[in-house]
Every structure is written in C-alpha cells, then in structure tokens.
Amino acid sequence: MNNDLIPYDELGLTPAKLAIIDKFCFYKKAVEEFESEIKDKFKELVENGEIPVSSIDIGNVILSYRKAYTKKSVDTNKLKEDGIYDDYVKETEVKSSVSMSIKEE
C-alpha cells in the first residue's frame, strides 16, 4: 500500500494523532490478550467448581459464563427441496464460553 497517496491532512491525521493511533493499536492488542487470559481463567475456575456462580462483578467489568450446549438447526436447503422438517434437523455442539462487558456509567 502506498501511504503517500493518503491525504493525512484532509483526514486531520497530524503526526501527533498518528502517534496516538500507534499507541492505541499497541494497547488494544495488550488488552485483548489480557481479556483472553481473564476469560480463560474464569472459565476454568467455574468449570472446576472453584467459583460457584456463573457471573461476577469485578468493578467496571462483569464476567458471565455460559455452559456448553447442543443446538439444533434446520438444513433449510433440504427442507426447501423435500418439504420435510424432522428428517433434516441437525445437532451442533456449542462450547462453553465467557463474556466480558464494561458496565455503563
């Protein structure tokens, strides 16, 4: 990509703002890695029974655990072709997961 073609001035991207973008990208990656570590550890502790609840409030963040489950869905192409529902229901294993959300102020 040729960055000489980007009208930085028209976008308001001064050298100072470009430096902020670089820092943002660095910290965003660090936060994503940290978030993954927290979620993985929380999931492990809930699944091992060490944390007896499925949701915790840790200040500005809430961690919520969702159990693994099997979901059923309809293969709509087959349903449309054959006009039959029950013969084409399929099950899919869904892994357990943890979500993390920032509380509204």
Protein backbone atom coordinates (compact mmCIF):
# COMPACT_ATOMS: atom_id res chain seq x y z
CA MET A 1 0.00 0.00 0.00
CA ASN A 2 1.37 3.40 -0.93
CA ASN A 3 0.84 5.69 2.08
CA ASP A 4 1.96 8.69 0.02
CA LEU A 5 -1.50 8.68 -1.57
CA ILE A 6 -3.37 9.06 1.73
CA PRO A 7 -4.47 12.69 2.33
CA TYR A 8 -3.45 12.74 6.01
CA ASP A 9 -4.07 16.49 6.31
CA GLU A 10 -7.62 16.17 4.96
CA LEU A 11 -8.33 13.39 7.46
CA GLY A 12 -6.93 15.50 10.31
CA LEU A 13 -4.19 12.95 10.95
CA THR A 14 -1.35 15.00 12.30
CA PRO A 15 1.91 13.29 13.33
CA ALA A 16 0.72 13.54 16.96
CA LYS A 17 -2.58 11.82 16.13
CA LEU A 18 -0.76 9.12 14.13
CA ALA A 19 1.38 8.50 17.23
CA ILE A 20 -1.81 8.14 19.28
CA ILE A 21 -3.11 5.59 16.77
CA ASP A 22 0.13 3.62 17.11
CA LYS A 23 -0.23 3.64 20.92
CA PHE A 24 -3.90 2.70 20.63
CA CYS A 25 -3.03 -0.33 18.48
CA PHE A 26 -0.33 -1.40 20.95
CA TYR A 27 -2.63 -1.12 23.98
CA LYS A 28 -5.60 -2.66 22.16
CA LYS A 29 -3.54 -5.78 21.48
CA ALA A 30 -2.35 -5.88 25.11
CA VAL A 31 -5.93 -5.50 26.40
CA GLU A 32 -7.21 -8.24 24.07
CA GLU A 33 -4.51 -10.63 25.30
CA PHE A 34 -5.28 -9.75 28.93
CA GLU A 35 -9.02 -10.15 28.32
CA SER A 36 -8.43 -13.59 26.85
CA GLU A 37 -6.35 -14.63 29.89
CA ILE A 38 -9.03 -13.41 32.33
CA LYS A 39 -11.84 -15.13 30.43
CA ASP A 40 -9.92 -18.41 30.10
CA LYS A 41 -9.07 -18.45 33.84
CA PHE A 42 -12.65 -17.58 34.87
CA LYS A 43 -13.99 -20.35 32.61
CA GLU A 44 -11.54 -22.84 34.12
CA LEU A 45 -12.46 -21.87 37.70
CA VAL A 46 -16.22 -22.07 37.04
CA GLU A 47 -15.96 -25.42 35.25
CA ASN A 48 -13.77 -26.84 38.06
CA GLY A 49 -16.31 -25.70 40.65
CA GLU A 50 -13.88 -23.29 42.31
CA ILE A 51 -16.21 -20.37 41.57
CA PRO A 52 -19.80 -21.40 42.39
CA VAL A 53 -21.51 -18.67 40.34
CA SER A 54 -21.84 -18.04 36.61
CA SER A 55 -21.41 -14.27 36.75
CA ILE A 56 -19.16 -11.98 38.76
CA ASP A 57 -18.81 -8.21 39.05
CA ILE A 58 -15.17 -7.13 39.28
CA GLY A 59 -15.59 -3.37 39.38
CA ASN A 60 -16.14 -1.87 35.96
CA VAL A 61 -16.36 -5.31 34.31
CA ILE A 62 -18.81 -8.20 34.55
CA LEU A 63 -17.74 -11.74 33.62
CA SER A 64 -20.53 -14.14 32.65
CA TYR A 65 -20.15 -17.86 31.98
CA ARG A 66 -22.39 -19.74 29.56
CA LYS A 67 -22.49 -23.53 29.74
CA ALA A 68 -21.80 -25.68 26.69
CA TYR A 69 -24.92 -26.91 24.99
CA THR A 70 -26.14 -28.67 21.90
CA LYS A 71 -28.15 -26.63 19.46
CA LYS A 72 -30.42 -27.87 16.74
CA SER A 73 -30.87 -26.16 13.42
CA VAL A 74 -32.73 -26.93 10.24
CA ASP A 75 -30.94 -27.51 6.95
CA THR A 76 -33.17 -25.13 5.02
CA ASN A 77 -31.88 -26.18 1.60
CA LYS A 78 -33.01 -29.77 2.21
CA LEU A 79 -36.21 -28.52 3.80
CA LYS A 80 -36.96 -26.49 0.67
CA GLU A 81 -36.08 -29.38 -1.63
CA ASP A 82 -38.03 -32.10 0.16
CA GLY A 83 -40.60 -30.23 2.23
CA ILE A 84 -39.68 -32.37 5.26
CA TYR A 85 -38.58 -30.93 8.62
CA ASP A 86 -37.78 -33.72 11.12
CA ASP A 87 -35.58 -35.74 8.77
CA TYR A 88 -33.15 -32.85 8.39
CA VAL A 89 -32.69 -31.50 11.90
CA LYS A 90 -29.01 -31.44 12.85
CA GLU A 91 -27.32 -31.03 16.22
CA THR A 92 -24.25 -28.91 16.80
CA GLU A 93 -22.10 -28.94 19.91
CA VAL A 94 -21.58 -25.42 21.26
CA LYS A 95 -18.59 -24.86 23.52
CA SER A 96 -18.92 -23.12 26.86
CA SER A 97 -17.84 -19.51 26.84
CA VAL A 98 -17.34 -16.43 28.97
CA SER A 99 -18.36 -12.91 28.04
CA MET A 100 -16.91 -9.76 29.49
CA SER A 101 -18.71 -6.43 29.42
CA ILE A 102 -17.94 -2.97 30.68
CA LYS A 103 -20.62 -1.54 32.93
CA GLU A 104 -22.37 1.62 31.82
CA GLU A 105 -21.56 4.65 33.92
